[in-house]
Amino acid sequence: MWRLPMELLLSDNPAIGFIGFGHMGAAIGQAIHQKHPSNLLFVVESNTDRQAWISDHCPFVTLVDYERLFSECNLVFLAIKPQQIGELSTQIKPFLNAEHTLISMLAGVPLEASLALFLPANIVRIMPNTPVKLSKGVTGIYFSPRTDVREKDVILNLCESFGRTLPLDNEDHLNVITALSGSGPAFFYRMVEACVSFGVSSGLDKKMALEAVIHTMIGAGHMLLEDPDPTEQNKRVTSPNGTTQAGLGVMDQQDFDTLIESVLTGAYDRAIELSKETI
């Protein structure tokens, strides 16, 4: 089946579409605009308050209806809630053809189910996380077998506008990425809250405790970027019979690794449940 040469999408003022432009959709759209300002962005947004926000804050976005969206755009991000997918399919089906690729951000909606709803369009699944707002996100990507090499390159290029991309060979691994990266920021934030609470209860003011913890986390992250071996990094900071060893000893006594594994397993299991509930 003939498809539009997708390498043309990033030149000659191509258009990228969004259905839904909430916090995640807007963060991705803004990141794409910053890196590819020649790409026209067309958005369908049903929420009138959100439409007003888009008009005030996103002058590079054109608000349109479904008919114009699919006449202008070959690539369209689906940035809606999973439970809205059935209604959306009914609304947009008349405008879809084989040249369209829908980039689904819908957690828990399997590729096969999406293809059944949106044929003849192609589907690509992605799982971004909230740091895409700062172009520091992590995005897992799973391509349907219908996606050709040129199209994969274009979509990877777009997703790299908002952070790191992780192309996956197994769709089930999107559930793992959901636990590690999609939900992961909240788990780090929870640890920050606990550390700040300790600092405040030990006499620091909250602002100082926050600054100490946040910048320690950022610094540790950069150290891992330089040498991505957490075991070796731990060894470098841990002196025999020192303070770090004392703290790590408590982690061992409290079975910290098992706790974290349970947290991630909880998120992973819920991702699997969602895939069974949405369709």
Protein backbone atom coordinates (compact mmCIF):
# COMPACT_ATOMS: atom_id res chain seq x y z
CA MET A 1 0.00 0.00 0.00
CA TRP A 2 1.43 3.39 -1.01
CA ARG A 3 2.15 5.85 1.77
CA LEU A 4 3.34 9.45 1.76
CA PRO A 5 7.17 9.70 1.83
CA MET A 6 7.42 10.44 5.54
CA GLU A 7 10.84 12.08 5.37
CA LEU A 8 9.04 15.06 3.84
CA LEU A 9 7.17 15.60 7.10
CA LEU A 10 10.00 17.55 8.69
CA SER A 11 10.45 19.99 5.81
CA ASP A 12 8.43 22.41 3.73
CA ASN A 13 6.19 23.48 6.63
CA PRO A 14 4.70 20.07 7.40
CA ALA A 15 1.82 19.78 9.84
CA ILE A 16 1.59 17.75 13.05
CA GLY A 17 -1.78 17.14 14.67
CA PHE A 18 -2.98 16.68 18.23
CA ILE A 19 -6.29 15.41 19.52
CA GLY A 20 -6.32 16.74 23.05
CA PHE A 21 -3.91 19.40 24.25
CA GLY A 22 -3.84 19.00 28.01
CA HIS A 23 -0.68 19.18 30.09
CA MET A 24 1.12 16.30 28.38
CA GLY A 25 -0.07 17.13 24.87
CA ALA A 26 0.85 20.78 25.27
CA ALA A 27 4.28 19.92 26.68
CA ILE A 28 5.00 17.71 23.67
CA GLY A 29 3.63 20.27 21.22
CA GLN A 30 5.71 23.07 22.72
CA ALA A 31 8.86 20.93 22.62
CA ILE A 32 8.27 20.02 18.97
CA HIS A 33 7.69 23.67 18.10
CA GLN A 34 10.91 24.73 19.82
CA LYS A 35 13.01 22.17 17.95
CA HIS A 36 11.09 22.20 14.63
CA PRO A 37 9.54 25.68 14.37
CA SER A 38 8.66 25.13 10.70
CA ASN A 39 6.26 22.33 11.62
CA LEU A 40 2.69 23.62 11.69
CA LEU A 41 0.69 22.36 14.67
CA PHE A 42 -3.05 21.72 14.39
CA VAL A 43 -5.07 20.86 17.48
CA VAL A 44 -8.56 19.58 18.23
CA GLU A 45 -9.45 20.43 21.83
CA SER A 46 -13.04 20.06 23.07
CA ASN A 47 -12.55 21.79 26.44
CA THR A 48 -13.44 25.49 26.04
CA ASP A 49 -11.28 26.60 28.99
CA ARG A 50 -8.35 24.77 27.45
CA GLN A 51 -9.08 26.37 24.07
CA ALA A 52 -8.76 29.78 25.72
CA TRP A 53 -5.46 28.74 27.34
CA ILE A 54 -4.12 27.56 23.97
CA SER A 55 -5.09 30.84 22.33
CA ASP A 56 -3.30 32.80 25.09
CA HIS A 57 -0.16 30.67 25.46
CA CYS A 58 0.41 28.81 22.18
CA PRO A 59 0.31 31.25 19.24
CA PHE A 60 1.98 28.61 17.06
CA VAL A 61 -1.09 26.32 17.37
CA THR A 62 -4.12 26.41 15.08
CA LEU A 63 -7.36 25.13 16.62
CA VAL A 64 -9.36 23.14 14.06
CA ASP A 65 -12.10 20.53 13.69
CA TYR A 66 -11.50 16.86 12.84
CA GLU A 67 -12.08 17.29 9.12
CA ARG A 68 -9.39 19.93 8.76
CA LEU A 69 -7.03 18.15 11.17
CA PHE A 70 -6.90 15.04 9.00
CA SER A 71 -6.80 16.97 5.74
CA GLU A 72 -3.73 18.89 6.99
CA CYS A 73 -1.89 16.25 9.02
CA ASN A 74 -0.53 12.78 8.35
CA LEU A 75 0.85 12.37 11.89
CA VAL A 76 -1.60 12.93 14.74
CA PHE A 77 -0.89 12.51 18.48
CA LEU A 78 -3.75 11.03 20.49
CA ALA A 79 -3.50 12.85 23.83
CA ILE A 80 -6.84 11.93 25.38
CA LYS A 81 -7.97 9.67 28.23
CA PRO A 82 -8.11 5.94 27.43
CA GLN A 83 -11.81 5.73 28.22
CA GLN A 84 -12.54 8.25 25.44
CA ILE A 85 -11.12 6.08 22.66
CA GLY A 86 -14.37 4.40 21.61
CA GLU A 87 -16.21 7.69 21.16
CA LEU A 88 -13.20 9.20 19.38
CA SER A 89 -13.11 6.32 16.91
CA THR A 90 -16.71 7.02 15.91
CA GLN A 91 -15.98 10.72 15.45
CA ILE A 92 -12.84 10.51 13.34
CA LYS A 93 -13.33 7.28 11.36
CA PRO A 94 -14.86 9.11 8.33
CA PHE A 95 -11.70 11.23 7.96
CA LEU A 96 -9.06 8.49 8.22
CA ASN A 97 -7.13 6.92 5.36
CA ALA A 98 -4.03 4.78 4.93
CA GLU A 99 -1.76 7.84 4.86
CA HIS A 100 -2.56 8.70 8.48
CA THR A 101 -0.53 7.53 11.45
CA LEU A 102 -1.96 8.01 14.94
CA ILE A 103 0.62 8.27 17.74
CA SER A 104 -1.23 6.91 20.75
CA MET A 105 -0.29 8.05 24.26
CA LEU A 106 -3.21 6.08 25.73
CA ALA A 107 -1.90 3.98 28.60
CA GLY A 108 -3.20 0.46 28.58
CA VAL A 109 -4.76 0.49 25.10
CA PRO A 110 -3.07 -2.32 23.11
CA LEU A 111 -1.94 -1.81 19.53
CA GLU A 112 -4.26 -4.49 18.18
CA ALA A 113 -7.31 -2.86 19.79
CA SER A 114 -6.35 0.58 18.46
CA LEU A 115 -5.81 -0.75 14.94
CA ALA A 116 -9.23 -2.37 15.01
CA LEU A 117 -10.81 0.96 15.96
CA PHE A 118 -8.87 3.23 13.61
CA LEU A 119 -8.18 1.26 10.42
CA PRO A 120 -7.17 2.12 7.74
CA ALA A 121 -4.84 4.44 9.71
CA ASN A 122 -1.60 3.13 11.16
CA ILE A 123 -0.92 3.21 14.93
CA VAL A 124 2.27 3.84 16.91
CA ARG A 125 2.22 3.60 20.71
CA ILE A 126 4.32 5.83 22.93
CA MET A 127 4.67 6.18 26.69
CA PRO A 128 6.17 9.58 27.62
CA ASN A 129 6.58 10.98 31.12
CA THR A 130 6.04 14.43 32.61
CA PRO A 131 9.63 15.74 32.21
CA VAL A 132 8.84 16.09 28.49
CA LYS A 133 7.73 19.57 29.62
CA LEU A 134 11.44 20.44 29.96
CA SER A 135 12.52 18.32 26.97
CA LYS A 136 14.00 15.92 29.57
CA GLY A 137 11.45 13.16 29.17
CA VAL A 138 11.82 9.45 28.59
CA THR A 139 9.53 8.01 25.92
CA GLY A 140 9.05 4.33 25.19
CA ILE A 141 7.96 3.70 21.58
CA TYR A 142 6.42 0.64 19.98
CA PHE A 143 5.86 0.62 16.23
CA SER A 144 3.25 -1.46 14.48
CA PRO A 145 4.54 -3.82 11.77
CA ARG A 146 2.97 -1.49 9.19
CA THR A 147 5.43 1.31 10.04
CA ASP A 148 8.17 1.65 7.44
CA VAL A 149 11.75 2.73 8.14
CA ARG A 150 11.25 6.29 6.90
CA GLU A 151 8.22 6.78 9.10
CA LYS A 152 10.04 5.39 12.14
CA ASP A 153 12.85 7.90 11.60
CA VAL A 154 10.40 10.80 11.44
CA ILE A 155 8.55 9.75 14.60
CA LEU A 156 11.79 9.15 16.51
CA ASN A 157 12.98 12.59 15.39
CA LEU A 158 9.79 14.17 16.71
CA CYS A 159 9.92 12.31 20.02
CA GLU A 160 13.56 13.23 20.53
CA SER A 161 12.33 16.84 20.63
CA PHE A 162 11.13 16.16 24.16
CA GLY A 163 13.84 13.86 25.56
CA ARG A 164 15.24 10.36 25.31
CA THR A 165 13.54 7.76 23.13
CA LEU A 166 13.47 4.02 23.80
CA PRO A 167 12.29 2.01 20.76
CA LEU A 168 10.89 -1.31 21.97
CA ASP A 169 10.69 -4.65 20.15
CA ASN A 170 8.01 -6.04 22.48
CA GLU A 171 4.74 -4.20 23.10
CA ASP A 172 4.48 -5.70 26.59
CA HIS A 173 7.63 -3.79 27.52
CA LEU A 174 5.61 -0.57 27.36
CA ASN A 175 4.10 -1.68 30.67
CA VAL A 176 7.60 -1.92 32.14
CA ILE A 177 8.44 1.56 30.83
CA THR A 178 5.16 2.79 32.32
CA ALA A 179 6.31 1.60 35.75
CA LEU A 180 9.93 2.78 35.45
CA SER A 181 9.54 6.09 33.59
CA GLY A 182 5.87 6.93 33.26
CA SER A 183 5.19 6.57 36.99
CA GLY A 184 8.85 6.82 38.03
CA PRO A 185 8.98 10.61 38.61
CA ALA A 186 6.33 10.29 41.33
CA PHE A 187 8.42 7.67 43.15
CA PHE A 188 11.45 9.96 43.11
CA TYR A 189 9.29 12.86 44.30
CA ARG A 190 8.06 10.72 47.19
CA MET A 191 11.63 10.00 48.22
CA VAL A 192 12.40 13.73 48.02
CA GLU A 193 9.42 14.44 50.30
CA ALA A 194 10.71 11.93 52.85
CA CYS A 195 14.23 13.38 52.75
CA VAL A 196 12.94 16.93 53.13
CA SER A 197 10.76 15.85 56.03
CA PHE A 198 13.85 14.44 57.75
CA GLY A 199 15.76 17.68 57.13
CA VAL A 200 12.96 19.83 58.59
CA SER A 201 12.48 17.59 61.64
CA SER A 202 16.25 17.79 62.20
CA GLY A 203 16.25 21.61 62.27
CA LEU A 204 16.70 22.82 58.68
CA ASP A 205 14.13 25.20 57.22
CA LYS A 206 12.10 23.66 54.41
CA LYS A 207 13.60 25.79 51.65
CA MET A 208 17.14 24.79 52.58
CA ALA A 209 16.20 21.13 52.93
CA LEU A 210 14.52 21.17 49.51
CA GLU A 211 17.55 22.79 47.91
CA ALA A 212 19.89 20.24 49.45
CA VAL A 213 17.80 17.24 48.40
CA ILE A 214 16.85 18.40 44.90
CA HIS A 215 20.38 19.33 43.91
CA THR A 216 21.76 16.13 45.43
CA MET A 217 19.34 14.16 43.24
CA ILE A 218 20.29 16.18 40.14
CA GLY A 219 24.00 15.79 40.87
CA ALA A 220 23.66 12.05 41.39
CA GLY A 221 21.80 11.81 38.10
CA HIS A 222 24.60 13.59 36.28
CA MET A 223 27.15 11.28 37.89
CA LEU A 224 25.20 8.33 36.51
CA LEU A 225 25.14 9.92 33.07
CA GLU A 226 28.92 10.09 33.24
CA ASP A 227 29.21 6.49 34.46
CA PRO A 228 25.90 4.55 34.33
CA ASP A 229 26.93 1.94 36.90
CA PRO A 230 25.03 2.59 40.15
CA THR A 231 26.90 -0.15 42.01
CA GLU A 232 30.28 1.43 41.26
CA GLN A 233 28.94 4.91 42.03
CA ASN A 234 27.78 3.61 45.41
CA LYS A 235 31.23 2.23 46.14
CA ARG A 236 32.84 5.58 45.35
CA VAL A 237 30.71 7.49 47.83
CA THR A 238 30.77 4.85 50.59
CA SER A 239 33.70 4.97 53.03
CA PRO A 240 34.26 2.03 55.41
CA ASN A 241 32.41 2.62 58.70
CA GLY A 242 31.28 6.04 57.45
CA THR A 243 27.92 7.79 57.37
CA THR A 244 26.93 6.49 53.93
CA GLN A 245 27.64 2.92 54.92
CA ALA A 246 25.52 3.38 58.04
CA GLY A 247 22.59 4.60 55.97
CA LEU A 248 22.96 1.86 53.36
CA GLY A 249 23.09 -0.68 56.20
CA VAL A 250 19.65 0.46 57.33
CA MET A 251 18.40 0.10 53.73
CA ASP A 252 19.66 -3.49 53.76
CA GLN A 253 18.04 -4.19 57.14
CA GLN A 254 14.72 -2.77 55.92
CA ASP A 255 14.94 -4.71 52.63
CA PHE A 256 14.81 -1.50 50.61
CA ASP A 257 15.35 -3.23 47.25
CA THR A 258 12.35 -5.48 47.79
CA LEU A 259 10.21 -2.48 48.71
CA ILE A 260 11.16 -0.66 45.50
CA GLU A 261 10.52 -3.79 43.46
CA SER A 262 7.06 -4.03 45.05
CA VAL A 263 6.34 -0.39 44.20
CA LEU A 264 7.29 -0.91 40.56
CA THR A 265 5.41 -4.19 40.39
CA GLY A 266 2.29 -2.41 41.64
CA ALA A 267 2.55 0.15 38.84
CA TYR A 268 3.34 -2.55 36.26
CA ASP A 269 0.40 -4.74 37.32
CA ARG A 270 -1.95 -1.76 37.12
CA ALA A 271 -0.74 -1.02 33.58
CA ILE A 272 -1.63 -4.58 32.60
CA GLU A 273 -5.05 -4.26 34.27
CA LEU A 274 -5.72 -1.08 32.32
CA SER A 275 -4.98 -2.88 29.05
CA LYS A 276 -7.76 -5.34 29.92
CA GLU A 277 -10.23 -2.68 31.08
CA THR A 278 -10.06 -0.05 28.35
CA ILE A 279 -11.36 -2.09 25.41
